[in-house]
Amino acid sequence: MKTLVGRLLAVLLIGLLGACGPKTPEKEVDMRDNFVGEWKSADTNAQTHTRIKRTGDTFYIHEGINDLVGTYDPNVESIMIDNGVKKVPVKYLPETDQLLITGGQREAKFSRVK
């Protein structure tokens, strides 16, 4: 009887130690991943969706028949797209889960496609 109780206590202690043991570190969130996905214009009823993929700091943006390449700038936490005239920033807005594209005097917001 004492051996049975002793074994049960040993099993319980091992189980408790395993449950309270060191936790694996949580994976750090990469801000660049927030840009990846399918997006639609929040300002218009356009049927065209924008798809963004990435490899490292390079982003591949496909919208309709247009393909653009952008680079992530950690200083401004934005994708910078060089349109030939100037660099256009694409910023992620975490409070609304939207993208904000600022080009010249015009701004456009894009919402994630569910």
Protein backbone atom coordinates (compact mmCIF):
# COMPACT_ATOMS: atom_id res chain seq x y z
CA MET A 1 0.00 0.00 0.00
CA LYS A 2 2.82 2.40 0.91
CA THR A 3 4.53 1.64 -2.39
CA LEU A 4 1.37 2.42 -4.34
CA VAL A 5 0.92 5.75 -2.53
CA GLY A 6 4.61 6.53 -3.06
CA ARG A 7 4.34 5.84 -6.79
CA LEU A 8 1.21 7.98 -7.11
CA LEU A 9 2.93 10.86 -5.34
CA ALA A 10 5.97 10.50 -7.60
CA VAL A 11 3.79 10.57 -10.73
CA LEU A 12 1.89 13.63 -9.47
CA LEU A 13 5.11 15.48 -8.64
CA ILE A 14 6.62 14.72 -12.04
CA GLY A 15 3.40 15.92 -13.71
CA LEU A 16 3.37 19.15 -11.70
CA LEU A 17 7.02 19.86 -12.41
CA GLY A 18 6.43 19.30 -16.10
CA ALA A 19 3.44 21.66 -16.11
CA CYS A 20 5.27 24.38 -14.20
CA GLY A 21 8.58 23.95 -16.02
CA PRO A 22 10.18 26.46 -18.34
CA LYS A 23 7.96 27.65 -21.14
CA THR A 24 9.16 27.84 -24.70
CA PRO A 25 9.79 31.45 -25.69
CA GLU A 26 7.02 33.01 -27.72
CA LYS A 27 7.86 33.76 -31.31
CA GLU A 28 8.63 37.43 -31.81
CA VAL A 29 6.14 39.21 -34.05
CA ASP A 30 7.63 40.50 -37.29
CA MET A 31 6.03 43.82 -38.25
CA ARG A 32 6.68 43.06 -41.92
CA ASP A 33 4.19 40.17 -41.81
CA ASN A 34 1.33 42.63 -41.22
CA PHE A 35 1.58 43.78 -44.86
CA VAL A 36 1.26 40.31 -46.38
CA GLY A 37 -2.13 39.24 -47.66
CA GLU A 38 -5.01 40.30 -49.85
CA TRP A 39 -6.31 43.87 -49.60
CA LYS A 40 -9.17 45.88 -51.10
CA SER A 41 -9.73 49.60 -51.32
CA ALA A 42 -11.64 50.96 -48.33
CA ASP A 43 -12.35 54.21 -50.17
CA THR A 44 -13.94 52.86 -53.36
CA ASN A 45 -16.01 49.89 -54.49
CA ALA A 46 -13.26 48.67 -56.82
CA GLN A 47 -13.43 44.97 -57.63
CA THR A 48 -9.65 44.71 -58.00
CA HIS A 49 -7.84 43.33 -54.99
CA THR A 50 -4.21 43.95 -54.16
CA ARG A 51 -2.06 40.99 -53.16
CA ILE A 52 1.17 41.47 -51.23
CA LYS A 53 3.83 38.79 -50.76
CA ARG A 54 7.29 39.16 -49.28
CA THR A 55 10.75 37.68 -49.22
CA GLY A 56 12.83 39.25 -46.45
CA ASP A 57 12.59 43.03 -46.80
CA THR A 58 11.39 42.86 -50.42
CA PHE A 59 7.64 43.03 -51.07
CA TYR A 60 5.90 41.98 -54.27
CA ILE A 61 2.68 43.88 -54.84
CA HIS A 62 0.21 42.75 -57.51
CA GLU A 63 -2.84 44.86 -58.35
CA GLY A 64 -4.83 44.14 -61.48
CA ILE A 65 -2.25 44.08 -64.28
CA ASN A 66 0.33 46.05 -62.30
CA ASP A 67 3.25 44.44 -60.52
CA LEU A 68 5.29 46.58 -58.15
CA VAL A 69 8.26 45.88 -55.91
CA GLY A 70 8.79 47.64 -52.60
CA THR A 71 11.33 47.53 -49.80
CA TYR A 72 10.58 47.67 -46.08
CA ASP A 73 12.11 50.67 -44.30
CA PRO A 74 12.37 49.93 -40.55
CA ASN A 75 12.98 53.62 -39.75
CA VAL A 76 9.45 54.57 -40.82
CA GLU A 77 7.94 51.05 -40.49
CA SER A 78 6.61 51.27 -44.05
CA ILE A 79 7.03 49.66 -47.43
CA MET A 80 8.63 52.14 -49.81
CA ILE A 81 7.53 51.76 -53.45
CA ASP A 82 9.61 53.59 -56.05
CA ASN A 83 7.15 54.62 -58.77
CA GLY A 84 9.82 56.25 -60.94
CA VAL A 85 9.05 59.77 -59.74
CA LYS A 86 9.37 59.40 -55.98
CA LYS A 87 9.09 56.83 -53.22
CA VAL A 88 5.54 56.19 -52.02
CA PRO A 89 5.15 54.90 -48.44
CA VAL A 90 2.72 52.12 -47.53
CA LYS A 91 2.11 52.15 -43.77
CA TYR A 92 0.29 49.52 -41.70
CA LEU A 93 -2.29 50.88 -39.24
CA PRO A 94 -2.59 48.33 -36.39
CA GLU A 95 -5.57 50.03 -34.74
CA THR A 96 -7.77 49.42 -37.80
CA ASP A 97 -5.83 46.59 -39.53
CA GLN A 98 -5.58 48.73 -42.68
CA LEU A 99 -2.88 49.94 -45.03
CA LEU A 100 -2.41 53.66 -45.67
CA ILE A 101 -0.84 54.65 -48.97
CA THR A 102 0.26 58.25 -49.23
CA GLY A 103 1.09 59.56 -52.69
CA GLY A 104 1.32 63.28 -53.28
CA GLN A 105 -1.87 65.03 -52.20
CA ARG A 106 -3.92 61.85 -52.07
CA GLU A 107 -4.22 59.13 -49.44
CA ALA A 108 -5.86 55.74 -49.84
CA LYS A 109 -6.78 53.16 -47.24
CA PHE A 110 -6.95 49.43 -47.90
CA SER A 111 -8.76 46.87 -45.74
CA ARG A 112 -7.77 43.24 -45.42
CA VAL A 113 -9.93 40.79 -47.41
CA LYS A 114 -11.34 38.19 -44.99
